[in-house]
Protein backbone atom coordinates (compact mmCIF):
# COMPACT_ATOMS: atom_id res chain seq x y z
CA MET A 1 78.28 2.86 -53.26
CA PRO A 2 81.48 1.14 -52.31
CA THR A 3 84.91 2.79 -53.02
CA GLN A 4 86.39 0.67 -55.65
CA TYR A 5 90.07 0.33 -56.41
CA PRO A 6 92.65 1.26 -57.25
CA MET A 7 91.63 4.84 -56.80
CA ALA A 8 93.57 7.39 -58.60
CA GLY A 9 95.13 11.17 -57.79
CA GLY A 10 97.56 14.01 -58.87
CA CYS A 11 98.34 17.14 -58.96
CA ASP A 12 96.89 20.27 -60.28
CA CYS A 13 99.37 20.44 -63.59
CA GLY A 14 99.10 16.98 -64.44
CA PHE A 15 102.69 15.80 -63.98
CA ILE A 16 102.33 13.59 -61.06
CA ARG A 17 100.18 11.01 -61.05
CA TYR A 18 99.80 8.08 -58.27
CA GLN A 19 96.76 5.51 -57.47
CA LEU A 20 95.82 3.61 -54.13
CA HIS A 21 95.57 0.06 -54.09
CA CYS A 22 93.54 -0.79 -51.59
CA GLN A 23 91.62 1.29 -48.71
CA PRO A 24 93.61 3.56 -46.42
CA LEU A 25 94.11 2.32 -42.76
CA VAL A 26 92.56 5.25 -41.38
CA VAL A 27 91.42 8.78 -42.90
CA HIS A 28 92.47 11.64 -40.44
CA CYS A 29 90.63 14.88 -40.23
CA CYS A 30 93.59 17.01 -38.69
CA HIS A 31 92.52 20.38 -36.68
CA CYS A 32 96.21 20.69 -35.48
CA THR A 33 97.54 24.33 -35.68
CA TRP A 34 100.46 22.99 -38.11
CA CYS A 35 98.10 20.97 -40.64
CA GLN A 36 96.36 24.73 -40.55
CA ARG A 37 99.63 26.45 -41.15
CA GLU A 38 101.23 23.90 -43.91
CA THR A 39 97.55 23.61 -45.73
CA GLY A 40 96.86 27.64 -45.31
CA SER A 41 93.16 26.19 -44.24
CA ALA A 42 91.33 24.81 -41.30
CA PHE A 43 92.42 21.24 -41.03
CA ALA A 44 94.49 18.72 -43.08
CA LEU A 45 92.47 15.31 -44.68
CA ASN A 46 95.13 12.62 -44.81
CA ALA A 47 94.74 9.20 -46.19
CA MET A 48 96.94 6.61 -43.91
CA ILE A 49 97.90 3.64 -46.04
CA GLU A 50 100.86 1.73 -46.27
CA SER A 51 103.75 3.07 -48.95
CA ASP A 52 103.80 -0.26 -50.91
CA GLN A 53 100.18 0.45 -51.57
CA VAL A 54 100.87 3.92 -52.96
CA GLU A 55 101.93 3.04 -56.79
CA LEU A 56 103.41 6.45 -58.75
CA LEU A 57 101.84 6.44 -62.26
CA SER A 58 104.13 9.56 -63.60
CA GLY A 59 106.28 12.22 -62.86
CA GLU A 60 108.49 12.15 -59.49
CA PRO A 61 107.62 14.18 -56.54
CA MET A 62 110.33 16.16 -54.88
CA ILE A 63 110.65 15.53 -50.96
CA VAL A 64 110.37 18.71 -48.62
CA ALA A 65 111.56 18.04 -45.31
CA THR A 66 109.61 20.91 -43.13
CA PRO A 67 109.51 20.57 -38.83
CA SER A 68 106.22 19.27 -37.26
CA ALA A 69 105.15 19.23 -33.67
CA SER A 70 106.87 16.26 -32.60
CA GLY A 71 110.04 17.84 -33.47
CA GLN A 72 111.08 15.22 -35.51
CA GLY A 73 109.77 17.00 -38.83
CA GLN A 74 108.35 15.45 -41.80
CA GLN A 75 108.85 14.57 -45.51
CA ILE A 76 106.37 16.49 -47.72
CA ALA A 77 106.11 14.99 -51.35
CA ARG A 78 105.34 17.52 -53.96
CA CYS A 79 105.17 18.12 -57.68
CA PRO A 80 108.34 20.01 -59.23
CA LYS A 81 106.28 21.83 -61.17
CA CYS A 82 103.29 23.27 -59.44
CA GLN A 83 104.14 22.87 -55.57
CA VAL A 84 101.15 20.74 -54.85
CA ALA A 85 101.67 18.70 -51.87
CA LEU A 86 100.35 14.59 -52.82
CA TRP A 87 101.59 12.76 -49.20
CA SER A 88 103.82 13.17 -46.35
CA HIS A 89 106.17 10.80 -44.66
CA TYR A 90 106.06 11.31 -41.19
CA ALA A 91 109.27 10.60 -38.39
CA GLY A 92 107.32 7.48 -36.43
CA SER A 93 107.11 5.14 -39.27
CA GLY A 94 108.98 7.07 -42.22
CA PRO A 95 108.72 5.67 -45.97
CA LEU A 96 106.82 2.40 -44.54
CA THR A 97 103.20 5.00 -44.16
CA THR A 98 102.39 7.66 -46.60
CA PHE A 99 99.61 10.39 -45.78
CA VAL A 100 97.87 10.93 -48.85
CA ARG A 101 95.92 14.27 -48.97
CA VAL A 102 92.85 13.04 -49.80
CA GLY A 103 91.81 16.32 -52.21
CA THR A 104 94.38 15.22 -54.49
CA LEU A 105 92.39 12.38 -55.49
CA ASP A 106 90.89 12.43 -58.65
CA ASN A 107 87.34 11.64 -56.27
CA PRO A 108 88.17 12.90 -52.73
CA GLN A 109 84.43 12.44 -51.89
CA MET A 110 84.84 8.71 -51.93
CA LEU A 111 87.10 9.03 -48.65
CA PRO A 112 85.39 10.94 -45.83
CA PRO A 113 87.42 11.13 -42.74
CA ASP A 114 86.80 8.40 -40.25
CA VAL A 115 87.94 10.29 -37.34
CA HIS A 116 88.71 13.86 -36.43
CA ILE A 117 91.68 14.76 -34.48
CA PHE A 118 93.55 17.68 -32.43
CA THR A 119 89.91 19.18 -32.28
CA SER A 120 90.85 21.14 -29.27
CA THR A 121 92.82 23.96 -32.02
CA LYS A 122 90.14 23.54 -34.43
CA GLN A 123 88.79 26.45 -36.04
CA PRO A 124 85.30 27.45 -33.95
CA TRP A 125 83.44 27.98 -37.07
CA VAL A 126 84.02 24.46 -38.38
CA LEU A 127 81.24 22.38 -36.79
CA LEU A 128 81.75 18.54 -36.74
CA PRO A 129 79.37 16.03 -37.39
CA GLU A 130 78.43 13.72 -34.51
CA SER A 131 78.52 10.92 -36.52
CA VAL A 132 82.33 10.88 -36.96
CA PRO A 133 84.12 10.46 -34.03
CA THR A 134 86.46 13.40 -32.41
CA PHE A 135 89.18 13.37 -30.34
CA ALA A 136 90.90 16.72 -28.46
CA GLU A 137 94.30 15.40 -29.29
CA TYR A 138 95.06 11.96 -30.92
CA TYR A 139 93.49 8.59 -29.71
CA ASP A 140 93.63 5.04 -29.70
CA ARG A 141 93.63 2.88 -32.51
CA GLN A 142 91.86 0.48 -31.07
CA GLN A 143 88.25 2.56 -30.44
CA VAL A 144 88.62 3.77 -34.51
CA TRP A 145 90.62 1.94 -37.01
CA ARG A 146 88.49 -0.89 -38.56
CA ASP A 147 89.25 -4.71 -37.85
CA ASP A 148 91.07 -5.41 -41.24
CA SER A 149 93.07 -1.99 -40.71
CA LEU A 150 94.60 -2.83 -37.31
CA LYS A 151 95.29 -6.39 -38.92
CA ARG A 152 97.39 -4.92 -41.66
CA ALA A 153 98.95 -2.90 -38.43
CA GLU A 154 100.33 -5.45 -37.05
CA ILE A 155 101.60 -6.58 -40.29
CA LEU A 156 103.47 -3.18 -40.47
CA ARG A 157 104.54 -3.31 -36.68
CA PRO A 158 107.61 -5.36 -37.20
CA LYS A 159 109.01 -3.49 -40.17
CA ILE A 160 108.43 0.30 -38.62
CA LYS A 161 110.55 -1.22 -35.56
CA ALA A 162 113.31 -2.48 -37.73
CA TYR A 163 113.01 1.04 -39.27
CA ARG A 164 113.16 3.04 -36.53
CA GLN A 165 116.41 0.75 -35.01
CA SER A 166 118.31 1.19 -38.45
CA LEU A 167 117.90 5.21 -37.26
CA ASN A 168 119.17 4.61 -33.69
CA ASN A 169 121.98 2.73 -35.29
CA ALA A 170 122.86 4.84 -38.16
């Protein structure tokens, strides 16, 4: 059954509601120790999507700056009432891409992982399916992403370059 968009999600208390207007570029299941610590679980499941394809329907998240393995930090959008983490913006592309926590979607089963990353630090009791690509660290997009996602990434590339340049000039 194909996934229908828009796809809605939100926090536990219902204050924040949002929707995705299209299929994510990719869904990462990240097993790095940073994601394990931040989630209090064995991994984080993030749907990477262009930020202009995420619509905030209600509420206003608070943005929490947290450290990251890159040393550049990330901005986590949390519900100010129930504190659920809804999405992140990482330093590499800043506010141009959103990494939506798949578990906050109303139907998270509709977005299974496209790839397992940083499996060198995964918990030994987590068993990964052979049908999903796995990488000890990160990967080359050309090996994993769908053609339409690669095309969308090319459209984003000059915007990300300009964003990074604006940070260097600030």
